[in-house]
Amino acid sequence: MSASKRKGTAAERGLVDYLRTAGFPHAERRLAGSAQDRGDLAGIPGVVVEVKNHASLNLAGWVDEAVLEQANDGADYGIVVHKRRGKGDAGEWYATCTVAQMARLLRQAGYGTPLDGAA
């Protein structure tokens, strides 16, 4: 296994461990190999999570990837979690999504004003 693959796998495992202790007991790494990528993690219904562990950022490309995976999965949300340099605790990493998805998440959590016909 390449060093890059090892880094990615370690980040995915670290995020799964964190999510399980944070109230998502079914979070797990998704097995690679599907013709239509559906993200790196499974077990959070309606959510695709793409995990990144890179020294340089490519937010636009990563978010585009998560949005495509969201469509492939038929999920409601596509989120990129990227490891924060120097931080081993996944709770201190970054999560990135589009502003439209953020607004939907906030409305579903009870913030803001519900929009007619919008979820």
PDB file of N, CA and C in Angstrom:
ATOM      1  N   MET A   1       0.846  -1.181   0.000  1.00  0.00           N
ATOM      2  CA  MET A   1       0.000   0.000   0.000  1.00  0.00           C
ATOM      3  C   MET A   1       0.889   1.241   0.000  1.00  0.00           C
ATOM      4  N   SER A   2       0.539   2.209  -0.825  1.00  0.00           N
ATOM      5  CA  SER A   2       1.341   3.425  -0.937  1.00  0.00           C
ATOM      6  C   SER A   2       1.199   4.283   0.318  1.00  0.00           C
ATOM      7  N   ALA A   3       2.158   5.171   0.519  1.00  0.00           N
ATOM      8  CA  ALA A   3       2.113   6.076   1.671  1.00  0.00           C
ATOM      9  C   ALA A   3       0.872   6.954   1.616  1.00  0.00           C
ATOM     10  N   SER A   4       0.492   7.402   0.423  1.00  0.00           N
ATOM     11  CA  SER A   4      -0.696   8.236   0.258  1.00  0.00           C
ATOM     12  C   SER A   4      -1.961   7.470   0.667  1.00  0.00           C
ATOM     13  N   LYS A   5      -2.051   6.227   0.232  1.00  0.00           N
ATOM     14  CA  LYS A   5      -3.203   5.380   0.567  1.00  0.00           C
ATOM     15  C   LYS A   5      -3.258   5.130   2.068  1.00  0.00           C
ATOM     16  N   ARG A   6      -2.105   4.906   2.698  1.00  0.00           N
ATOM     17  CA  ARG A   6      -2.049   4.690   4.153  1.00  0.00           C
ATOM     18  C   ARG A   6      -2.544   5.922   4.893  1.00  0.00           C
ATOM     19  N   LYS A   7      -2.124   7.109   4.436  1.00  0.00           N
ATOM     20  CA  LYS A   7      -2.581   8.354   5.059  1.00  0.00           C
ATOM     21  C   LYS A   7      -4.094   8.499   4.956  1.00  0.00           C
ATOM     22  N   GLY A   8      -4.632   8.203   3.784  1.00  0.00           N
ATOM     23  CA  GLY A   8      -6.071   8.307   3.580  1.00  0.00           C
ATOM     24  C   GLY A   8      -6.843   7.322   4.436  1.00  0.00           C
ATOM     25  N   THR A   9      -6.364   6.093   4.483  1.00  0.00           N
ATOM     26  CA  THR A   9      -7.013   5.060   5.288  1.00  0.00           C
ATOM     27  C   THR A   9      -6.984   5.430   6.766  1.00  0.00           C
ATOM     28  N   ALA A  10      -5.855   5.931   7.236  1.00  0.00           N
ATOM     29  CA  ALA A  10      -5.748   6.332   8.647  1.00  0.00           C
ATOM     30  C   ALA A  10      -6.712   7.469   8.969  1.00  0.00           C
ATOM     31  N   ALA A  11      -6.854   8.422   8.054  1.00  0.00           N
ATOM     32  CA  ALA A  11      -7.791   9.529   8.278  1.00  0.00           C
ATOM     33  C   ALA A  11      -9.224   9.015   8.315  1.00  0.00           C
ATOM     34  N   GLU A  12      -9.575   8.119   7.409  1.00  0.00           N
ATOM     35  CA  GLU A  12     -10.922   7.560   7.401  1.00  0.00           C
ATOM     36  C   GLU A  12     -11.207   6.821   8.703  1.00  0.00           C
ATOM     37  N   ARG A  13     -10.261   6.024   9.158  1.00  0.00           N
ATOM     38  CA  ARG A  13     -10.451   5.289  10.424  1.00  0.00           C
ATOM     39  C   ARG A  13     -10.570   6.243  11.603  1.00  0.00           C
ATOM     40  N   GLY A  14      -9.741   7.287  11.613  1.00  0.00           N
ATOM     41  CA  GLY A  14      -9.820   8.271  12.693  1.00  0.00           C
ATOM     42  C   GLY A  14     -11.161   8.976  12.728  1.00  0.00           C
ATOM     43  N   LEU A  15     -11.697   9.309  11.562  1.00  0.00           N
ATOM     44  CA  LEU A  15     -13.001   9.969  11.505  1.00  0.00           C
ATOM     45  C   LEU A  15     -14.107   9.019  11.934  1.00  0.00           C
ATOM     46  N   VAL A  16     -14.056   7.766  11.489  1.00  0.00           N
ATOM     47  CA  VAL A  16     -15.058   6.781  11.909  1.00  0.00           C
ATOM     48  C   VAL A  16     -15.045   6.634  13.424  1.00  0.00           C
ATOM     49  N   ASP A  17     -13.868   6.505  14.019  1.00  0.00           N
ATOM     50  CA  ASP A  17     -13.773   6.378  15.478  1.00  0.00           C
ATOM     51  C   ASP A  17     -14.399   7.582  16.171  1.00  0.00           C
ATOM     52  N   TYR A  18     -14.096   8.766  15.666  1.00  0.00           N
ATOM     53  CA  TYR A  18     -14.658   9.981  16.270  1.00  0.00           C
ATOM     54  C   TYR A  18     -16.182   9.995  16.138  1.00  0.00           C
ATOM     55  N   LEU A  19     -16.683   9.734  14.938  1.00  0.00           N
ATOM     56  CA  LEU A  19     -18.129   9.791  14.711  1.00  0.00           C
ATOM     57  C   LEU A  19     -18.878   8.775  15.567  1.00  0.00           C
ATOM     58  N   ARG A  20     -18.304   7.599  15.745  1.00  0.00           N
ATOM     59  CA  ARG A  20     -18.965   6.583  16.587  1.00  0.00           C
ATOM     60  C   ARG A  20     -19.105   7.063  18.021  1.00  0.00           C
ATOM     61  N   THR A  21     -18.105   7.757  18.531  1.00  0.00           N
ATOM     62  CA  THR A  21     -18.194   8.267  19.910  1.00  0.00           C
ATOM     63  C   THR A  21     -19.043   9.530  19.990  1.00  0.00           C
ATOM     64  N   ALA A  22     -19.325  10.153  18.836  1.00  0.00           N
ATOM     65  CA  ALA A  22     -20.108  11.392  18.799  1.00  0.00           C
ATOM     66  C   ALA A  22     -21.576  11.132  18.462  1.00  0.00           C
ATOM     67  N   GLY A  23     -22.007   9.881  18.545  1.00  0.00           N
ATOM     68  CA  GLY A  23     -23.419   9.593  18.359  1.00  0.00           C
ATOM     69  C   GLY A  23     -23.809   9.001  17.024  1.00  0.00           C
ATOM     70  N   PHE A  24     -22.836   8.537  16.248  1.00  0.00           N
ATOM     71  CA  PHE A  24     -23.110   7.912  14.956  1.00  0.00           C
ATOM     72  C   PHE A  24     -22.542   6.489  14.969  1.00  0.00           C
ATOM     73  N   PRO A  25     -23.201   5.576  15.702  1.00  0.00           N
ATOM     74  CA  PRO A  25     -22.626   4.250  15.941  1.00  0.00           C
ATOM     75  C   PRO A  25     -22.488   3.382  14.695  1.00  0.00           C
ATOM     76  N   HIS A  26     -23.181   3.729  13.618  1.00  0.00           N
ATOM     77  CA  HIS A  26     -23.130   2.906  12.408  1.00  0.00           C
ATOM     78  C   HIS A  26     -22.136   3.425  11.377  1.00  0.00           C
ATOM     79  N   ALA A  27     -21.417   4.496  11.705  1.00  0.00           N
ATOM     80  CA  ALA A  27     -20.417   5.031  10.780  1.00  0.00           C
ATOM     81  C   ALA A  27     -19.366   3.966  10.499  1.00  0.00           C
ATOM     82  N   GLU A  28     -19.001   3.834   9.223  1.00  0.00           N
ATOM     83  CA  GLU A  28     -17.984   2.864   8.831  1.00  0.00           C
ATOM     84  C   GLU A  28     -17.366   3.276   7.508  1.00  0.00           C
ATOM     85  N   ARG A  29     -16.181   2.767   7.267  1.00  0.00           N
ATOM     86  CA  ARG A  29     -15.518   3.027   5.991  1.00  0.00           C
ATOM     87  C   ARG A  29     -16.249   2.276   4.899  1.00  0.00           C
ATOM     88  N   ARG A  30     -16.439   2.939   3.788  1.00  0.00           N
ATOM     89  CA  ARG A  30     -17.077   2.304   2.632  1.00  0.00           C
ATOM     90  C   ARG A  30     -15.990   1.599   1.827  1.00  0.00           C
ATOM     91  N   LEU A  31     -16.264   0.400   1.382  1.00  0.00           N
ATOM     92  CA  LEU A  31     -15.299  -0.339   0.576  1.00  0.00           C
ATOM     93  C   LEU A  31     -15.165   0.308  -0.791  1.00  0.00           C
ATOM     94  N   ALA A  32     -13.949   0.466  -1.237  1.00  0.00           N
ATOM     95  CA  ALA A  32     -13.677   1.063  -2.546  1.00  0.00           C
ATOM     96  C   ALA A  32     -13.973   0.047  -3.639  1.00  0.00           C
ATOM     97  N   GLY A  33     -14.083   0.554  -4.855  1.00  0.00           N
ATOM     98  CA  GLY A  33     -14.215  -0.351  -5.974  1.00  0.00           C
ATOM     99  C   GLY A  33     -15.494  -0.192  -6.772  1.00  0.00           C
ATOM    100  N   SER A  34     -16.428   0.606  -6.313  1.00  0.00           N
ATOM    101  CA  SER A  34     -17.663   0.805  -7.062  1.00  0.00           C
ATOM    102  C   SER A  34     -17.393   1.654  -8.296  1.00  0.00           C
ATOM    103  N   ALA A  35     -18.106   1.383  -9.370  1.00  0.00           N
ATOM    104  CA  ALA A  35     -17.950   2.178 -10.587  1.00  0.00           C
ATOM    105  C   ALA A  35     -18.388   3.615 -10.353  1.00  0.00           C
ATOM    106  N   GLN A  36     -19.404   3.799  -9.503  1.00  0.00           N
ATOM    107  CA  GLN A  36     -19.872   5.139  -9.167  1.00  0.00           C
ATOM    108  C   GLN A  36     -19.550   5.383  -7.699  1.00  0.00           C
ATOM    109  N   ASP A  37     -18.524   6.174  -7.454  1.00  0.00           N
ATOM    110  CA  ASP A  37     -18.068   6.459  -6.097  1.00  0.00           C
ATOM    111  C   ASP A  37     -19.195   7.101  -5.300  1.00  0.00           C
ATOM    112  N   ARG A  38     -19.390   6.619  -4.063  1.00  0.00           N
ATOM    113  CA  ARG A  38     -20.425   7.151  -3.187  1.00  0.00           C
ATOM    114  C   ARG A  38     -19.838   7.650  -1.868  1.00  0.00           C
ATOM    115  N   GLY A  39     -18.574   8.088  -1.914  1.00  0.00           N
ATOM    116  CA  GLY A  39     -17.950   8.647  -0.731  1.00  0.00           C
ATOM    117  C   GLY A  39     -17.129   7.629   0.033  1.00  0.00           C
ATOM    118  N   ASP A  40     -16.472   8.114   1.074  1.00  0.00           N
ATOM    119  CA  ASP A  40     -15.561   7.275   1.849  1.00  0.00           C
ATOM    120  C   ASP A  40     -16.201   6.624   3.060  1.00  0.00           C
ATOM    121  N   LEU A  41     -17.284   7.219   3.579  1.00  0.00           N
ATOM    122  CA  LEU A  41     -17.930   6.679   4.774  1.00  0.00           C
ATOM    123  C   LEU A  41     -19.369   6.311   4.488  1.00  0.00           C
ATOM    124  N   ALA A  42     -19.849   5.307   5.201  1.00  0.00           N
ATOM    125  CA  ALA A  42     -21.243   4.883   5.146  1.00  0.00           C
ATOM    126  C   ALA A  42     -21.772   4.879   6.582  1.00  0.00           C
ATOM    127  N   GLY A  43     -23.074   4.664   6.704  1.00  0.00           N
ATOM    128  CA  GLY A  43     -23.667   4.516   8.029  1.00  0.00           C
ATOM    129  C   GLY A  43     -24.322   5.766   8.574  1.00  0.00           C
ATOM    130  N   ILE A  44     -24.321   6.849   7.800  1.00  0.00           N
ATOM    131  CA  ILE A  44     -25.050   8.059   8.172  1.00  0.00           C
ATOM    132  C   ILE A  44     -26.048   8.281   7.037  1.00  0.00           C
ATOM    133  N   PRO A  45     -27.278   7.789   7.196  1.00  0.00           N
ATOM    134  CA  PRO A  45     -28.247   7.844   6.096  1.00  0.00           C
ATOM    135  C   PRO A  45     -28.431   9.259   5.544  1.00  0.00           C
ATOM    136  N   GLY A  46     -28.404   9.350   4.220  1.00  0.00           N
ATOM    137  CA  GLY A  46     -28.625  10.624   3.552  1.00  0.00           C
ATOM    138  C   GLY A  46     -27.407  11.518   3.466  1.00  0.00           C
ATOM    139  N   VAL A  47     -26.258  11.032   3.962  1.00  0.00           N
ATOM    140  CA  VAL A  47     -25.048  11.857   3.984  1.00  0.00           C
ATOM    141  C   VAL A  47     -23.889  11.089   3.355  1.00  0.00           C
ATOM    142  N   VAL A  48     -23.225  11.742   2.410  1.00  0.00           N
ATOM    143  CA  VAL A  48     -21.995  11.223   1.815  1.00  0.00           C
ATOM    144  C   VAL A  48     -20.847  12.009   2.427  1.00  0.00           C
ATOM    145  N   VAL A  49     -19.830  11.304   2.896  1.00  0.00           N
ATOM    146  CA  VAL A  49     -18.658  11.955   3.479  1.00  0.00           C
ATOM    147  C   VAL A  49     -17.434  11.556   2.667  1.00  0.00           C
ATOM    148  N   GLU A  50     -16.746  12.558   2.163  1.00  0.00           N
ATOM    149  CA  GLU A  50     -15.482  12.373   1.445  1.00  0.00           C
ATOM    150  C   GLU A  50     -14.378  12.826   2.392  1.00  0.00           C
ATOM    151  N   VAL A  51     -13.411  11.964   2.680  1.00  0.00           N
ATOM    152  CA  VAL A  51     -12.353  12.255   3.645  1.00  0.00           C
ATOM    153  C   VAL A  51     -11.058  12.551   2.900  1.00  0.00           C
ATOM    154  N   LYS A  52     -10.396  13.631   3.293  1.00  0.00           N
ATOM    155  CA  LYS A  52      -9.143  14.033   2.656  1.00  0.00           C
ATOM    156  C   LYS A  52      -8.063  14.249   3.712  1.00  0.00           C
ATOM    157  N   ASN A  53      -6.853  13.808   3.362  1.00  0.00           N
ATOM    158  CA  ASN A  53      -5.687  14.015   4.217  1.00  0.00           C
ATOM    159  C   ASN A  53      -4.525  14.423   3.311  1.00  0.00           C
ATOM    160  N   HIS A  54      -4.526  15.695   2.920  1.00  0.00           N
ATOM    161  CA  HIS A  54      -3.528  16.217   1.989  1.00  0.00           C
ATOM    162  C   HIS A  54      -2.856  17.446   2.590  1.00  0.00           C
ATOM    163  N   ALA A  55      -1.604  17.647   2.252  1.00  0.00           N
ATOM    164  CA  ALA A  55      -0.885  18.828   2.732  1.00  0.00           C
ATOM    165  C   ALA A  55      -1.407  20.100   2.075  1.00  0.00           C
ATOM    166  N   SER A  56      -1.823  20.004   0.814  1.00  0.00           N
ATOM    167  CA  SER A  56      -2.335  21.187   0.115  1.00  0.00           C
ATOM    168  C   SER A  56      -3.843  21.040  -0.081  1.00  0.00           C
ATOM    169  N   LEU A  57      -4.530  22.175  -0.051  1.00  0.00           N
ATOM    170  CA  LEU A  57      -5.986  22.186  -0.165  1.00  0.00           C
ATOM    171  C   LEU A  57      -6.427  22.273  -1.618  1.00  0.00           C
ATOM    172  N   ASN A  58      -7.525  21.597  -1.907  1.00  0.00           N
ATOM    173  CA  ASN A  58      -8.188  21.688  -3.198  1.00  0.00           C
ATOM    174  C   ASN A  58      -9.695  21.683  -2.920  1.00  0.00           C
ATOM    175  N   LEU A  59     -10.161  22.677  -2.162  1.00  0.00           N
ATOM    176  CA  LEU A  59     -11.551  22.687  -1.713  1.00  0.00           C
ATOM    177  C   LEU A  59     -12.536  22.606  -2.862  1.00  0.00           C
ATOM    178  N   ALA A  60     -12.325  23.377  -3.916  1.00  0.00           N
ATOM    179  CA  ALA A  60     -13.265  23.371  -5.044  1.00  0.00           C
ATOM    180  C   ALA A  60     -13.374  21.968  -5.640  1.00  0.00           C
ATOM    181  N   GLY A  61     -12.252  21.344  -5.891  1.00  0.00           N
ATOM    182  CA  GLY A  61     -12.260  19.995  -6.456  1.00  0.00           C
ATOM    183  C   GLY A  61     -12.873  18.979  -5.516  1.00  0.00           C
ATOM    184  N   TRP A  62     -12.550  19.088  -4.228  1.00  0.00           N
ATOM    185  CA  TRP A  62     -13.089  18.150  -3.249  1.00  0.00           C
ATOM    186  C   TRP A  62     -14.594  18.295  -3.090  1.00  0.00           C
ATOM    187  N   VAL A  63     -15.088  19.535  -3.046  1.00  0.00           N
ATOM    188  CA  VAL A  63     -16.532  19.752  -2.921  1.00  0.00           C
ATOM    189  C   VAL A  63     -17.236  19.245  -4.177  1.00  0.00           C
ATOM    190  N   ASP A  64     -16.669  19.505  -5.351  1.00  0.00           N
ATOM    191  CA  ASP A  64     -17.257  18.972  -6.585  1.00  0.00           C
ATOM    192  C   ASP A  64     -17.332  17.447  -6.518  1.00  0.00           C
ATOM    193  N   GLU A  65     -16.288  16.820  -6.006  1.00  0.00           N
ATOM    194  CA  GLU A  65     -16.257  15.361  -5.868  1.00  0.00           C
ATOM    195  C   GLU A  65     -17.363  14.898  -4.921  1.00  0.00           C
ATOM    196  N   ALA A  66     -17.520  15.578  -3.792  1.00  0.00           N
ATOM    197  CA  ALA A  66     -18.553  15.203  -2.818  1.00  0.00           C
ATOM    198  C   ALA A  66     -19.952  15.380  -3.401  1.00  0.00           C
ATOM    199  N   VAL A  67     -20.162  16.441  -4.178  1.00  0.00           N
ATOM    200  CA  VAL A  67     -21.470  16.671  -4.799  1.00  0.00           C
ATOM    201  C   VAL A  67     -21.779  15.561  -5.817  1.00  0.00           C
ATOM    202  N   LEU A  68     -20.789  15.149  -6.596  1.00  0.00           N
ATOM    203  CA  LEU A  68     -20.978  14.045  -7.535  1.00  0.00           C
ATOM    204  C   LEU A  68     -21.295  12.754  -6.780  1.00  0.00           C
ATOM    205  N   GLU A  69     -20.560  12.478  -5.714  1.00  0.00           N
ATOM    206  CA  GLU A  69     -20.797  11.273  -4.914  1.00  0.00           C
ATOM    207  C   GLU A  69     -22.173  11.320  -4.259  1.00  0.00           C
ATOM    208  N   GLN A  70     -22.590  12.507  -3.849  1.00  0.00           N
ATOM    209  CA  GLN A  70     -23.927  12.693  -3.281  1.00  0.00           C
ATOM    210  C   GLN A  70     -24.980  12.274  -4.310  1.00  0.00           C
ATOM    211  N   ALA A  71     -24.799  12.720  -5.557  1.00  0.00           N
ATOM    212  CA  ALA A  71     -25.732  12.345  -6.622  1.00  0.00           C
ATOM    213  C   ALA A  71     -25.692  10.842  -6.880  1.00  0.00           C
ATOM    214  N   ASN A  72     -24.486  10.262  -6.917  1.00  0.00           N
ATOM    215  CA  ASN A  72     -24.349   8.820  -7.129  1.00  0.00           C
ATOM    216  C   ASN A  72     -25.075   8.022  -6.060  1.00  0.00           C
ATOM    217  N   ASP A  73     -25.064   8.530  -4.831  1.00  0.00           N
ATOM    218  CA  ASP A  73     -25.652   7.826  -3.692  1.00  0.00           C
ATOM    219  C   ASP A  73     -27.133   8.150  -3.505  1.00  0.00           C
ATOM    220  N   GLY A  74     -27.610   9.232  -4.143  1.00  0.00           N
ATOM    221  CA  GLY A  74     -28.978   9.683  -3.898  1.00  0.00           C
ATOM    222  C   GLY A  74     -29.116  10.282  -2.511  1.00  0.00           C
ATOM    223  N   ALA A  75     -28.010  10.806  -1.975  1.00  0.00           N
ATOM    224  CA  ALA A  75     -27.981  11.352  -0.613  1.00  0.00           C
ATOM    225  C   ALA A  75     -28.480  12.793  -0.594  1.00  0.00           C
ATOM    226  N   ASP A  76     -28.818  13.250   0.590  1.00  0.00           N
ATOM    227  CA  ASP A  76     -29.273  14.631   0.781  1.00  0.00           C
ATOM    228  C   ASP A  76     -28.112  15.612   0.876  1.00  0.00           C
ATOM    229  N   TYR A  77     -26.986  15.137   1.389  1.00  0.00           N
ATOM    230  CA  TYR A  77     -25.845  16.009   1.643  1.00  0.00           C
ATOM    231  C   TYR A  77     -24.556  15.346   1.200  1.00  0.00           C
ATOM    232  N   GLY A  78     -23.601  16.174   0.759  1.00  0.00           N
ATOM    233  CA  GLY A  78     -22.256  15.726   0.446  1.00  0.00           C
ATOM    234  C   GLY A  78     -21.281  16.623   1.187  1.00  0.00           C
ATOM    235  N   ILE A  79     -20.513  16.039   2.081  1.00  0.00           N
ATOM    236  CA  ILE A  79     -19.629  16.809   2.960  1.00  0.00           C
ATOM    237  C   ILE A  79     -18.202  16.306   2.798  1.00  0.00           C
ATOM    238  N   VAL A  80     -17.265  17.249   2.751  1.00  0.00           N
ATOM    239  CA  VAL A  80     -15.844  16.915   2.717  1.00  0.00           C
ATOM    240  C   VAL A  80     -15.293  17.136   4.121  1.00  0.00           C
ATOM    241  N   VAL A  81     -14.630  16.132   4.668  1.00  0.00           N
ATOM    242  CA  VAL A  81     -13.911  16.288   5.928  1.00  0.00           C
ATOM    243  C   VAL A  81     -12.439  16.218   5.586  1.00  0.00           C
ATOM    244  N   HIS A  82     -11.717  17.288   5.942  1.00  0.00           N
ATOM    245  CA  HIS A  82     -10.293  17.291   5.647  1.00  0.00           C
ATOM    246  C   HIS A  82      -9.497  17.463   6.924  1.00  0.00           C
ATOM    247  N   LYS A  83      -8.483  16.601   7.017  1.00  0.00           N
ATOM    248  CA  LYS A  83      -7.646  16.580   8.213  1.00  0.00           C
ATOM    249  C   LYS A  83      -6.931  17.907   8.364  1.00  0.00           C
ATOM    250  N   ARG A  84      -6.944  18.390   9.575  1.00  0.00           N
ATOM    251  CA  ARG A  84      -6.261  19.640   9.902  1.00  0.00           C
ATOM    252  C   ARG A  84      -4.821  19.315  10.264  1.00  0.00           C
ATOM    253  N   ARG A  85      -3.889  19.959   9.619  1.00  0.00           N
ATOM    254  CA  ARG A  85      -2.471  19.679   9.865  1.00  0.00           C
ATOM    255  C   ARG A  85      -2.140  19.877  11.346  1.00  0.00           C
ATOM    256  N   GLY A  86      -1.444  18.899  11.886  1.00  0.00           N
ATOM    257  CA  GLY A  86      -1.009  18.963  13.277  1.00  0.00           C
ATOM    258  C   GLY A  86      -2.077  18.568  14.284  1.00  0.00           C
ATOM    259  N   LYS A  87      -3.256  18.151  13.816  1.00  0.00           N
ATOM    260  CA  LYS A  87      -4.350  17.775  14.711  1.00  0.00           C
ATOM    261  C   LYS A  87      -4.729  16.327  14.464  1.00  0.00           C
ATOM    262  N   GLY A  88      -4.454  15.471  15.437  1.00  0.00           N
ATOM    263  CA  GLY A  88      -4.798  14.059  15.317  1.00  0.00           C
ATOM    264  C   GLY A  88      -6.242  13.766  15.665  1.00  0.00           C
ATOM    265  N   ASP A  89      -6.863  14.613  16.485  1.00  0.00           N
ATOM    266  CA  ASP A  89      -8.251  14.428  16.904  1.00  0.00           C
ATOM    267  C   ASP A  89      -9.181  14.866  15.782  1.00  0.00           C
ATOM    268  N   ALA A  90      -9.951  13.928  15.234  1.00  0.00           N
ATOM    269  CA  ALA A  90     -10.838  14.238  14.108  1.00  0.00           C
ATOM    270  C   ALA A  90     -11.874  15.295  14.475  1.00  0.00           C
ATOM    271  N   GLY A  91     -12.171  15.461  15.734  1.00  0.00           N
ATOM    272  CA  GLY A  91     -13.099  16.505  16.152  1.00  0.00           C
ATOM    273  C   GLY A  91     -12.565  17.905  15.896  1.00  0.00           C
ATOM    274  N   GLU A  92     -11.277  18.028  15.620  1.00  0.00           N
ATOM    275  CA  GLU A  92     -10.660  19.320  15.339  1.00  0.00           C
ATOM    276  C   GLU A  92     -10.367  19.512  13.850  1.00  0.00           C
ATOM    277  N   TRP A  93     -10.805  18.578  13.024  1.00  0.00           N
ATOM    278  CA  TRP A  93     -10.605  18.700  11.587  1.00  0.00           C
ATOM    279  C   TRP A  93     -11.664  19.634  11.017  1.00  0.00           C
ATOM    280  N   TYR A  94     -11.624  19.865   9.719  1.00  0.00           N
ATOM    281  CA  TYR A  94     -12.562  20.760   9.047  1.00  0.00           C
ATOM    282  C   TYR A  94     -13.601  19.970   8.260  1.00  0.00           C
ATOM    283  N   ALA A  95     -14.802  20.518   8.193  1.00  0.00           N
ATOM    284  CA  ALA A  95     -15.868  19.974   7.352  1.00  0.00           C
ATOM    285  C   ALA A  95     -16.298  21.080   6.399  1.00  0.00           C
ATOM    286  N   THR A  96     -16.397  20.754   5.129  1.00  0.00           N
ATOM    287  CA  THR A  96     -16.727  21.739   4.102  1.00  0.00           C
ATOM    288  C   THR A  96     -17.881  21.216   3.253  1.00  0.00           C
ATOM    289  N   CYS A  97     -18.795  22.113   2.962  1.00  0.00           N
ATOM    290  CA  CYS A  97     -19.899  21.810   2.056  1.00  0.00           C
ATOM    291  C   CYS A  97     -20.298  23.107   1.377  1.00  0.00           C
ATOM    292  N   THR A  98     -21.235  23.027   0.451  1.00  0.00           N
ATOM    293  CA  THR A  98     -21.710  24.250  -0.177  1.00  0.00           C
ATOM    294  C   THR A  98     -22.546  25.050   0.822  1.00  0.00           C
ATOM    295  N   VAL A  99     -22.666  26.339   0.591  1.00  0.00           N
ATOM    296  CA  VAL A  99     -23.487  27.185   1.463  1.00  0.00           C
ATOM    297  C   VAL A  99     -24.947  26.751   1.381  1.00  0.00           C
ATOM    298  N   ALA A 100     -25.410  26.337   0.212  1.00  0.00           N
ATOM    299  CA  ALA A 100     -26.790  25.862   0.077  1.00  0.00           C
ATOM    300  C   ALA A 100     -27.041  24.663   0.992  1.00  0.00           C
ATOM    301  N   GLN A 101     -26.082  23.739   1.055  1.00  0.00           N
ATOM    302  CA  GLN A 101     -26.242  22.584   1.939  1.00  0.00           C
ATOM    303  C   GLN A 101     -26.176  23.009   3.399  1.00  0.00           C
ATOM    304  N   MET A 102     -25.293  23.941   3.717  1.00  0.00           N
ATOM    305  CA  MET A 102     -25.214  24.438   5.088  1.00  0.00           C
ATOM    306  C   MET A 102     -26.541  25.053   5.509  1.00  0.00           C
ATOM    307  N   ALA A 103     -27.143  25.857   4.624  1.00  0.00           N
ATOM    308  CA  ALA A 103     -28.421  26.498   4.948  1.00  0.00           C
ATOM    309  C   ALA A 103     -29.503  25.444   5.184  1.00  0.00           C
ATOM    310  N   ARG A 104     -29.524  24.404   4.358  1.00  0.00           N
ATOM    311  CA  ARG A 104     -30.505  23.322   4.557  1.00  0.00           C
ATOM    312  C   ARG A 104     -30.291  22.627   5.888  1.00  0.00           C
ATOM    313  N   LEU A 105     -29.023  22.326   6.223  1.00  0.00           N
ATOM    314  CA  LEU A 105     -28.717  21.687   7.510  1.00  0.00           C
ATOM    315  C   LEU A 105     -29.182  22.547   8.679  1.00  0.00           C
ATOM    316  N   LEU A 106     -28.904  23.840   8.600  1.00  0.00           N
ATOM    317  CA  LEU A 106     -29.306  24.741   9.682  1.00  0.00           C
ATOM    318  C   LEU A 106     -30.821  24.825   9.800  1.00  0.00           C
ATOM    319  N   ARG A 107     -31.528  24.921   8.677  1.00  0.00           N
ATOM    320  CA  ARG A 107     -32.991  24.963   8.733  1.00  0.00           C
ATOM    321  C   ARG A 107     -33.541  23.670   9.320  1.00  0.00           C
ATOM    322  N   GLN A 108     -32.988  22.527   8.918  1.00  0.00           N
ATOM    323  CA  GLN A 108     -33.461  21.249   9.442  1.00  0.00           C
ATOM    324  C   GLN A 108     -33.167  21.105  10.930  1.00  0.00           C
ATOM    325  N   ALA A 109     -32.161  21.819  11.416  1.00  0.00           N
ATOM    326  CA  ALA A 109     -31.839  21.803  12.846  1.00  0.00           C
ATOM    327  C   ALA A 109     -32.680  22.805  13.629  1.00  0.00           C
ATOM    328  N   GLY A 110     -33.568  23.526  12.925  1.00  0.00           N
ATOM    329  CA  GLY A 110     -34.468  24.447  13.606  1.00  0.00           C
ATOM    330  C   GLY A 110     -34.047  25.896  13.577  1.00  0.00           C
ATOM    331  N   TYR A 111     -32.982  26.215  12.870  1.00  0.00           N
ATOM    332  CA  TYR A 111     -32.520  27.597  12.767  1.00  0.00           C
ATOM    333  C   TYR A 111     -33.121  28.240  11.519  1.00  0.00           C
ATOM    334  N   GLY A 112     -33.250  29.542  11.546  1.00  0.00           N
ATOM    335  CA  GLY A 112     -33.750  30.268  10.389  1.00  0.00           C
ATOM    336  C   GLY A 112     -35.249  30.112  10.222  1.00  0.00           C
ATOM    337  N   THR A 113     -35.725  30.590   9.127  1.00  0.00           N
ATOM    338  CA  THR A 113     -37.144  30.553   8.812  1.00  0.00           C
ATOM    339  C   THR A 113     -37.365  29.485   7.755  1.00  0.00           C
ATOM    340  N   PRO A 114     -38.293  28.545   7.983  1.00  0.00           N
ATOM    341  CA  PRO A 114     -38.556  27.536   6.950  1.00  0.00           C
ATOM    342  C   PRO A 114     -39.014  28.199   5.656  1.00  0.00           C
ATOM    343  N   LEU A 115     -38.575  27.683   4.546  1.00  0.00           N
ATOM    344  CA  LEU A 115     -38.964  28.204   3.239  1.00  0.00           C
ATOM    345  C   LEU A 115     -40.131  27.374   2.719  1.00  0.00           C
ATOM    346  N   ASP A 116     -41.092  28.019   2.089  1.00  0.00           N
ATOM    347  CA  ASP A 116     -42.244  27.309   1.533  1.00  0.00           C
ATOM    348  C   ASP A 116     -41.773  26.246   0.548  1.00  0.00           C
ATOM    349  N   GLY A 117     -42.126  25.013   0.837  1.00  0.00           N
ATOM    350  CA  GLY A 117     -41.811  23.915  -0.063  1.00  0.00           C
ATOM    351  C   GLY A 117     -40.357  23.471  -0.053  1.00  0.00           C
ATOM    352  N   ALA A 118     -39.509  24.102   0.765  1.00  0.00           N
ATOM    353  CA  ALA A 118     -38.088  23.726   0.787  1.00  0.00           C
ATOM    354  C   ALA A 118     -37.801  22.880   2.023  1.00  0.00           C
ATOM    355  N   ALA A 119     -36.937  21.910   1.846  1.00  0.00           N
ATOM    356  CA  ALA A 119     -36.542  21.070   2.966  1.00  0.00           C
ATOM    357  C   ALA A 119     -35.166  21.464   3.438  1.00  0.00           C
TER     358      ALA A 119
END
